Protein backbone atom coordinates (compact mmCIF):
# COMPACT_ATOMS: atom_id res chain seq x y z
CA UNK A 1 121.64 111.14 85.61
CA UNK A 2 118.85 109.94 87.91
CA UNK A 3 118.93 106.17 88.50
CA UNK A 4 115.24 105.84 87.61
CA UNK A 5 115.85 107.60 84.29
CA UNK A 6 118.80 105.32 83.57
CA UNK A 7 116.64 102.29 84.33
CA UNK A 8 113.91 103.45 81.94
CA UNK A 9 116.43 104.07 79.17
CA UNK A 10 117.65 100.49 79.48
CA UNK A 11 114.13 99.05 79.22
CA UNK A 12 113.58 97.27 75.91
CA UNK A 13 110.38 97.99 73.91
CA UNK A 14 108.90 94.55 74.63
CA UNK A 15 109.57 94.92 78.33
CA UNK A 16 108.12 98.43 78.35
CA UNK A 17 104.98 97.10 76.65
CA UNK A 18 104.67 94.48 79.39
CA UNK A 19 105.12 97.25 81.97
CA UNK A 20 102.13 99.09 80.49
CA UNK A 21 100.12 95.87 80.67
CA UNK A 22 101.13 95.39 84.31
CA UNK A 23 99.98 98.93 85.03
CA UNK A 24 96.42 97.92 84.15
CA UNK A 25 96.35 95.14 86.80
CA UNK A 26 95.41 92.37 84.33
CA UNK A 27 94.49 89.83 87.02
CA UNK A 28 91.83 92.20 88.30
CA UNK A 29 90.58 92.76 84.74
CA UNK A 30 90.33 89.02 84.21
CA UNK A 31 88.09 88.65 87.25
CA UNK A 32 85.91 91.57 86.16
CA UNK A 33 85.39 90.12 82.69
CA UNK A 34 84.37 86.79 84.21
CA UNK A 35 81.26 88.54 85.51
CA UNK A 36 80.48 90.48 82.32
CA UNK A 37 80.00 87.84 79.62
CA UNK A 38 77.63 85.59 81.64
CA UNK A 39 75.45 88.58 82.49
CA UNK A 40 75.17 89.39 78.78
CA UNK A 41 73.94 85.83 78.11
CA UNK A 42 71.40 86.14 80.92
CA UNK A 43 70.20 89.50 79.58
CA UNK A 44 69.77 88.01 76.09
CA UNK A 45 68.37 84.70 77.42
CA UNK A 46 70.64 83.13 74.82
CA UNK A 47 73.87 83.85 73.00
CA UNK A 48 74.16 87.60 72.28
CA UNK A 49 75.67 88.99 69.11
CA UNK A 50 79.30 87.90 69.33
CA UNK A 51 80.58 91.23 68.04
CA UNK A 52 78.65 92.96 70.83
CA UNK A 53 80.21 90.63 73.39
CA UNK A 54 83.68 91.28 71.97
CA UNK A 55 83.19 95.06 71.90
CA UNK A 56 81.85 95.09 75.46
CA UNK A 57 84.67 92.97 76.86
CA UNK A 58 87.35 95.02 75.09
CA UNK A 59 85.80 98.30 76.22
CA UNK A 60 85.37 96.99 79.75
CA UNK A 61 88.98 95.80 79.88
CA UNK A 62 90.19 99.20 78.69
CA UNK A 63 88.06 100.98 81.28
CA UNK A 64 89.23 98.75 84.12
CA UNK A 65 92.81 99.10 82.90
CA UNK A 66 92.50 102.87 83.03
CA UNK A 67 91.27 102.71 86.62
CA UNK A 68 94.14 100.39 87.53
CA UNK A 69 96.70 102.70 85.93
CA UNK A 70 95.33 105.74 87.78
CA UNK A 71 95.46 103.73 91.01
CA UNK A 72 99.12 102.80 90.42
CA UNK A 73 99.95 106.44 89.75
CA UNK A 74 98.20 107.75 92.87
CA UNK A 75 99.50 104.99 95.15
CA UNK A 76 103.08 105.03 93.85
CA UNK A 77 104.32 106.42 97.18
CA UNK A 78 103.03 103.50 99.26
CA UNK A 79 103.72 100.95 96.52
CA UNK A 80 107.44 101.70 96.97
CA UNK A 81 107.21 100.64 100.61
CA UNK A 82 104.88 97.63 100.45
CA UNK A 83 106.53 94.31 99.59
CA UNK A 84 103.40 93.11 97.77
CA UNK A 85 103.60 95.97 95.27
CA UNK A 86 107.38 96.30 94.97
CA UNK A 87 107.41 94.95 91.40
CA UNK A 88 104.94 97.46 89.94
CA UNK A 89 106.29 99.46 86.96
CA UNK A 90 106.42 102.83 88.72
CA UNK A 91 108.39 101.26 91.57
CA UNK A 92 110.91 99.47 89.36
CA UNK A 93 111.39 102.52 87.13
CA UNK A 94 110.24 100.76 83.96
CA UNK A 95 107.73 103.57 83.48
CA UNK A 96 107.84 107.22 84.52
CA UNK A 97 105.05 108.90 86.47
CA UNK A 98 104.21 110.97 83.41
CA UNK A 99 104.03 107.93 81.13
CA UNK A 100 101.67 106.23 83.55
CA UNK A 101 99.39 109.24 83.90
CA UNK A 102 99.17 109.85 80.14
CA UNK A 103 98.50 106.16 79.56
CA UNK A 104 95.70 106.16 82.16
CA UNK A 105 93.99 109.18 80.57
CA UNK A 106 94.33 107.88 77.00
CA UNK A 107 92.99 104.45 77.95
CA UNK A 108 90.08 105.98 79.87
CA UNK A 109 89.02 108.30 77.04
CA UNK A 110 89.47 105.53 74.45
CA UNK A 111 87.35 103.10 76.47
CA UNK A 112 84.53 105.64 76.77
CA UNK A 113 84.49 106.34 73.04
CA UNK A 114 84.79 102.65 72.23
CA UNK A 115 81.83 101.67 74.39
CA UNK A 116 79.74 104.67 73.39
CA UNK A 117 80.22 104.26 69.64
CA UNK A 118 80.33 100.46 69.40
CA UNK A 119 78.04 99.35 72.26
CA UNK A 120 75.80 102.12 73.62
CA UNK A 121 76.15 105.29 75.64
CA UNK A 122 74.55 103.84 78.77
CA UNK A 123 77.32 101.23 78.96
CA UNK A 124 79.87 103.98 78.34
CA UNK A 125 78.42 106.17 81.10
CA UNK A 126 78.49 103.27 83.56
CA UNK A 127 82.14 102.60 82.73
CA UNK A 128 83.01 106.26 83.33
CA UNK A 129 81.17 106.12 86.66
CA UNK A 130 83.17 103.02 87.64
CA UNK A 131 86.51 104.67 86.87
CA UNK A 132 85.58 107.89 88.66
CA UNK A 133 84.33 106.03 91.73
CA UNK A 134 87.41 103.81 91.92
CA UNK A 135 89.86 106.65 91.46
CA UNK A 136 88.19 109.57 93.25
CA UNK A 137 86.14 107.87 95.96
CA UNK A 138 88.10 104.72 96.76
CA UNK A 139 91.74 105.56 95.97
CA UNK A 140 91.80 109.25 96.91
CA UNK A 141 89.27 109.37 99.75
CA UNK A 142 88.43 106.03 101.36
CA UNK A 143 91.53 103.87 101.10
CA UNK A 144 93.76 105.81 103.49
CA UNK A 145 91.02 107.07 105.83
CA UNK A 146 88.65 104.29 106.87
CA UNK A 147 88.68 100.51 107.51
CA UNK A 148 85.45 100.40 105.52
CA UNK A 149 87.42 101.38 102.41
CA UNK A 150 87.05 98.09 100.59
CA UNK A 151 83.35 97.79 101.46
CA UNK A 152 82.26 100.96 99.69
CA UNK A 153 85.19 101.14 97.30
CA UNK A 154 84.28 97.68 96.04
CA UNK A 155 81.23 99.18 94.34
CA UNK A 156 83.46 100.07 91.38
CA UNK A 157 84.22 96.39 90.85
CA UNK A 158 80.49 95.65 90.66
CA UNK A 159 79.92 97.90 87.66
CA UNK A 160 80.84 95.32 84.96
CA UNK A 161 77.60 93.42 85.65
CA UNK A 162 75.62 96.61 85.01
CA UNK A 163 77.70 97.35 81.90
CA UNK A 164 77.14 93.84 80.54
CA UNK A 165 73.39 94.06 81.07
CA UNK A 166 73.19 97.57 79.62
CA UNK A 167 75.20 96.47 76.58
CA UNK A 168 72.48 93.98 75.63
CA UNK A 169 69.30 95.76 76.75
CA UNK A 170 70.34 99.44 76.84
CA UNK A 171 68.49 99.58 80.17
CA UNK A 172 68.67 98.37 83.77
CA UNK A 173 66.22 96.54 86.02
CA UNK A 174 66.21 94.54 89.25
CA UNK A 175 68.16 91.58 87.83
CA UNK A 176 71.45 93.47 87.28
CA UNK A 177 70.89 95.24 90.61
CA UNK A 178 70.87 91.86 92.38
CA UNK A 179 73.95 90.78 90.41
CA UNK A 180 75.58 94.03 91.51
CA UNK A 181 74.66 93.16 95.08
CA UNK A 182 76.28 89.73 94.82
CA UNK A 183 79.63 91.19 93.77
CA UNK A 184 79.31 94.06 96.25
CA UNK A 185 78.75 91.72 99.21
CA UNK A 186 81.40 89.28 97.95
CA UNK A 187 84.17 91.89 97.80
CA UNK A 188 84.87 92.24 101.58
CA UNK A 189 85.18 88.48 102.29
CA UNK A 190 87.34 88.26 99.17
CA UNK A 191 89.71 91.13 99.99
CA UNK A 192 89.87 91.10 103.80
CA UNK A 193 91.69 87.72 103.91
CA UNK A 194 94.28 89.22 101.54
CA UNK A 195 94.68 92.19 103.88
CA UNK A 196 95.20 89.72 106.75
CA UNK A 197 98.02 88.10 104.79
CA UNK A 198 99.68 91.46 104.08
CA UNK A 199 98.75 93.15 107.34
CA UNK A 200 102.30 94.34 108.02
CA UNK A 201 102.50 95.91 104.56
CA UNK A 202 99.36 97.97 105.11
CA UNK A 203 100.41 98.90 108.64
CA UNK A 204 103.77 100.14 107.36
CA UNK A 205 102.07 102.67 105.06
CA UNK A 206 99.26 103.61 107.50
CA UNK A 207 96.45 102.23 105.34
CA UNK A 208 93.70 101.35 107.85
CA UNK A 209 92.59 98.03 106.45
CA UNK A 210 90.29 96.18 108.86
CA UNK A 211 93.05 93.65 109.57
CA UNK A 212 95.31 96.51 110.69
CA UNK A 213 92.95 98.35 113.02
CA UNK A 214 91.09 95.33 114.43
CA UNK A 215 92.13 91.84 115.48
CA UNK A 216 91.89 88.80 113.25
CA UNK A 217 88.88 87.54 115.21
CA UNK A 218 86.89 90.60 114.18
CA UNK A 219 88.05 90.22 110.58
CA UNK A 220 87.10 86.54 110.60
CA UNK A 221 83.62 87.30 111.92
CA UNK A 222 83.08 89.99 109.28
CA UNK A 223 84.19 87.56 106.57
CA UNK A 224 81.60 85.06 107.80
CA UNK A 225 78.78 87.60 107.90
CA UNK A 226 79.50 88.94 104.42
CA UNK A 227 79.85 85.43 103.02
CA UNK A 228 76.38 84.54 104.31
CA UNK A 229 74.99 87.80 102.88
CA UNK A 230 76.59 87.04 99.51
CA UNK A 231 75.02 83.60 99.32
CA UNK A 232 71.62 84.95 100.38
CA UNK A 233 71.79 87.58 97.63
CA UNK A 234 72.76 84.94 95.07
CA UNK A 235 69.66 82.91 95.97
CA UNK A 236 67.47 86.00 95.56
CA UNK A 237 68.34 85.88 91.86
CA UNK A 238 66.41 82.60 91.46
CA UNK A 239 62.88 84.05 91.70
CA UNK A 240 63.69 87.49 90.31
CA UNK A 241 65.52 86.27 87.18
CA UNK A 242 63.59 82.99 86.87
CA UNK A 243 66.78 80.95 87.17
CA UNK A 244 66.61 77.20 86.67
CA UNK A 245 67.81 74.05 88.40
CA UNK A 246 71.43 74.40 87.29
CA UNK A 247 71.99 77.85 88.74
CA UNK A 248 70.04 77.01 91.89
CA UNK A 249 72.14 73.90 92.56
CA UNK A 250 75.42 75.70 91.85
CA UNK A 251 74.45 78.67 94.03
CA UNK A 252 73.60 76.38 96.94
CA UNK A 253 76.59 74.04 96.68
CA UNK A 254 79.27 76.62 95.89
CA UNK A 255 77.74 79.05 98.38
CA UNK A 256 77.80 76.41 101.08
CA UNK A 257 81.47 75.75 100.35
CA UNK A 258 82.28 79.47 100.47
CA UNK A 259 80.51 79.85 103.81
CA UNK A 260 82.29 76.76 105.17
CA UNK A 261 85.71 78.16 104.26
CA UNK A 262 84.78 81.48 105.88
CA UNK A 263 83.69 79.74 109.10
CA UNK A 264 86.91 77.73 109.05
CA UNK A 265 88.94 80.95 108.96
CA UNK A 266 86.94 82.40 111.85
CA UNK A 267 87.24 79.20 113.87
CA UNK A 268 91.03 79.21 113.55
CA UNK A 269 91.12 82.91 114.46
CA UNK A 270 89.17 82.54 117.71
CA UNK A 271 91.21 79.47 118.70
CA UNK A 272 94.43 81.40 118.08
CA UNK A 273 95.64 78.68 115.76
CA UNK A 274 97.48 79.01 112.47
CA UNK A 275 95.30 81.15 110.22
CA UNK A 276 95.49 80.64 106.45
CA UNK A 277 93.60 83.62 105.03
CA UNK A 278 94.78 83.05 101.46
CA UNK A 279 92.76 79.84 101.40
CA UNK A 280 89.59 81.92 101.72
CA UNK A 281 90.94 84.47 99.24
CA UNK A 282 91.46 81.83 96.55
CA UNK A 283 88.20 80.08 97.46
CA UNK A 284 86.30 83.32 96.97
CA UNK A 285 87.67 83.68 93.44
CA UNK A 286 86.66 80.12 92.59
CA UNK A 287 83.22 80.68 94.10
CA UNK A 288 82.49 83.83 92.11
CA UNK A 289 83.79 82.27 88.89
CA UNK A 290 81.69 79.13 89.26
CA UNK A 291 78.60 81.13 90.23
CA UNK A 292 78.81 83.43 87.21
CA UNK A 293 79.52 80.56 84.85
CA UNK A 294 76.22 79.15 86.09
CA UNK A 295 74.59 82.55 85.47
CA UNK A 296 75.66 82.28 81.83
CA UNK A 297 74.93 78.59 81.26
CA UNK A 298 71.55 78.40 83.00
CA UNK A 299 69.64 80.50 80.39
CA UNK A 300 70.91 78.15 77.66
CA UNK A 301 69.12 75.20 79.32
CA UNK A 302 65.42 76.14 79.26
CA UNK A 303 64.41 72.51 79.79
CA UNK A 304 65.79 72.79 83.36
CA UNK A 305 63.34 75.49 84.40
CA UNK A 306 61.32 74.84 87.54
């Protein structure tokens, strides 16, 4: 009997359930949901219907989980080689390829029906677009062909802000477009430091991440430029969405810190010193979280309007 089959037969139900959860990339889902709820508050200019928030977050998590599962299925060949992904369920044998593919399809269809029937069909359509873009454009086309993969592929990770806005208003305007732009511009300086840390992994599987095909000085400079662009876009939200003092202060202070950390990475790169890219990676997560918390809290404080 095949060793992978034997391994799956020994997997207990609880462990298999956890393997399915791992297939969805829950840490990515967590970050995506951080951007959804605050946008819903901004769209409502107050606290939205809590059932609507719950339904949107659940549907969004299912949609993102489907995309993650498809990604694990498609990338299972390189995941078996890369150290960073060596514990994924399809590598360890806790799940079969067929189980993963069926799970991805079921979760994707269920998320579409959930959002369409319980939220609205615009939100459902946006979630389908996000999954298709992540799977077909990023995973199948861009990831293994161009160092700009994460730049354009990151558009899928921006869709939750559009879904959150559409869930409340059943429409889109310039405010969610700017929020989309913030996440879009933030993705490269968030992910490129991670690719610097795992450069050898990506090189081993011929994935042309920027850190693989160019030197760390170039990567550091690109991180700086995108960090500045992210902060500039976040400030654009102030006049367009009529944001108040709280958001403005948070955007300036946290943005300044994010830019500082990016410059610090670049400075160490050009001096050929010890580079700590994960510091920028973790800083970027904190920055985006703090910024979107401010997006959600600011509308609840009308007395702090300019």
